[in-house]
Protein backbone atom coordinates (compact mmCIF):
# COMPACT_ATOMS: atom_id res chain seq x y z
CA MET A 1 38.85 -17.24 -51.67
CA LYS A 2 38.66 -19.52 -48.78
CA ILE A 3 40.02 -23.76 -49.17
CA ASN A 4 38.61 -26.03 -47.22
CA LEU A 5 41.02 -28.48 -46.58
CA VAL A 6 38.65 -31.52 -45.60
CA LYS A 7 36.66 -31.09 -49.13
CA THR A 8 39.68 -30.30 -51.20
CA VAL A 9 41.13 -33.62 -50.34
CA ILE A 10 37.86 -35.35 -50.90
CA ALA A 11 38.06 -33.70 -54.33
CA ILE A 12 41.35 -35.06 -55.05
CA ALA A 13 40.59 -38.43 -53.92
CA ILE A 14 37.28 -38.94 -56.05
CA SER A 15 39.60 -37.62 -59.07
CA LEU A 16 42.28 -39.94 -58.24
CA LEU A 17 39.94 -42.66 -57.75
CA ILE A 18 38.12 -42.06 -61.38
CA ALA A 19 41.73 -41.65 -63.08
CA PHE A 20 42.44 -44.88 -61.48
CA GLY A 21 39.68 -46.10 -63.24
CA PHE A 22 40.51 -45.33 -66.31
CA PHE A 23 43.77 -47.04 -65.75
CA SER A 24 42.51 -50.16 -64.95
CA PHE A 25 39.74 -50.70 -67.55
CA TYR A 26 41.84 -49.24 -70.73
CA ASN A 27 44.15 -51.52 -72.40
CA GLY A 28 45.44 -49.23 -75.06
CA GLU A 29 49.09 -47.90 -75.57
CA ASN A 30 48.28 -44.13 -74.00
CA LYS A 31 46.96 -46.08 -70.83
CA PHE A 32 49.50 -43.34 -68.48
CA LEU A 33 48.27 -40.23 -70.64
CA LEU A 34 44.72 -40.99 -70.40
CA SER A 35 44.53 -41.38 -66.48
CA SER A 36 47.38 -38.73 -65.59
CA GLY A 37 45.21 -36.30 -68.14
CA SER A 38 41.83 -37.29 -66.41
CA PHE A 39 43.44 -37.08 -63.03
CA ILE A 40 44.68 -33.20 -63.73
CA PHE A 41 41.41 -31.83 -65.33
CA LEU A 42 38.54 -33.66 -63.05
CA MET A 43 40.87 -32.67 -59.59
CA LEU A 44 41.06 -29.02 -61.01
CA THR A 45 37.15 -28.70 -61.89
CA LEU A 46 36.36 -30.62 -58.44
CA ILE A 47 38.33 -28.45 -56.00
CA MET A 48 36.79 -25.35 -58.01
CA ALA A 49 33.29 -26.84 -57.30
CA ILE A 50 33.59 -28.23 -53.92
CA GLY A 51 36.77 -27.18 -52.21
CA ILE A 52 36.81 -23.42 -52.62
CA LYS A 53 34.79 -21.16 -51.16
CA PHE A 54 34.68 -17.48 -52.69
CA GLU A 55 33.55 -14.09 -50.79
CA LEU A 56 30.77 -13.19 -52.89
CA SER A 57 27.64 -15.38 -53.15
CA ARG A 58 27.15 -14.58 -57.19
CA THR A 59 30.50 -15.70 -57.95
CA ASN A 60 30.79 -18.58 -55.67
CA THR A 61 27.62 -20.22 -57.20
CA ASN A 62 28.39 -18.95 -60.57
CA LEU A 63 31.90 -20.55 -60.51
CA LYS A 64 30.70 -24.01 -58.98
CA VAL A 65 28.15 -24.24 -61.65
CA VAL A 66 30.68 -23.75 -64.38
CA SER A 67 33.28 -25.98 -62.64
CA GLY A 68 30.06 -28.87 -62.14
CA ILE A 69 29.37 -28.38 -66.19
CA PHE A 70 33.32 -28.75 -67.04
CA PHE A 71 33.54 -31.75 -64.82
CA VAL A 72 30.86 -33.59 -66.32
CA ILE A 73 32.10 -32.43 -70.10
CA ALA A 74 35.53 -33.95 -68.37
CA LEU A 75 34.17 -36.85 -67.61
CA ILE A 76 32.22 -37.38 -70.77
CA SER A 77 35.21 -36.67 -72.61
CA ASN A 78 37.61 -39.17 -70.96
CA ILE A 79 34.93 -41.79 -71.11
CA ALA A 80 34.84 -41.47 -74.57
CA PHE A 81 38.87 -41.71 -75.42
CA SER A 82 38.76 -44.73 -72.97
CA PHE A 83 36.25 -46.81 -75.30
CA SER A 84 38.25 -45.87 -78.67
CA LYS A 85 41.71 -45.92 -79.54
CA PHE A 86 42.95 -42.09 -79.59
CA SER A 87 46.36 -40.63 -80.49
CA PHE A 88 48.77 -38.31 -78.11
CA PRO A 89 48.21 -35.45 -80.25
CA ILE A 90 44.47 -35.52 -80.29
CA TYR A 91 44.24 -36.15 -76.55
CA ILE A 92 46.32 -33.27 -75.87
CA ILE A 93 44.42 -30.88 -78.16
CA VAL A 94 40.79 -31.82 -77.39
CA ASN A 95 41.77 -31.70 -73.23
CA GLY A 96 44.10 -28.53 -73.24
CA ILE A 97 41.21 -26.74 -75.04
CA LEU A 98 38.64 -27.78 -72.63
CA LEU A 99 40.46 -26.85 -69.65
CA LEU A 100 41.83 -23.54 -71.08
CA VAL A 101 38.26 -22.95 -71.90
CA PHE A 102 37.64 -23.31 -68.15
CA VAL A 103 40.26 -21.58 -66.69
CA PHE A 104 39.38 -18.37 -69.37
CA ILE A 105 35.47 -18.52 -67.83
CA ALA A 106 36.23 -19.10 -64.21
CA TYR A 107 38.84 -16.22 -64.30
CA SER A 108 36.55 -14.05 -66.29
CA ILE A 109 34.14 -14.72 -63.30
CA PHE A 110 36.44 -14.43 -60.70
CA LYS A 111 37.42 -10.83 -62.26
CA ALA A 112 34.08 -9.80 -62.64
CA LYS A 113 33.59 -9.46 -58.79
CA GLN A 114 29.84 -9.85 -58.64
C-alpha cells in the first residue's frame, strides 16, 4: 500500500468542500451532524478511491471501484438527508451501516490478496 500525498490532500479538500456545501445549504437543526458526517464518509471513500495505491493490480482495481461506488452512495445519501428533516439517530444508523459495510468489503478485498 502506497499513499500518494498530493492525491490524498486533493481528496480531503474535495470532501471538505462538499461538506461545506451541505453546511451552507441545509437549514435544519442537525446542520453540524450532516456536514461532519458527510465529510468523514466522503473523505474515507475518496482517499481509498484516488489517494492510495495497492501493490496488486487486481486488489487496487477492486478497491477503487468499491470506493467509487460507496462515494456515490454516500453523496446520494447525504443529498437525500439535506432535502429532508431527519433525526440524529436515523442519520447515524443509516450512514454508520453504510460506512461499516464499505469498511467490511474493503477489508475483505484487501485480505484476499489477489
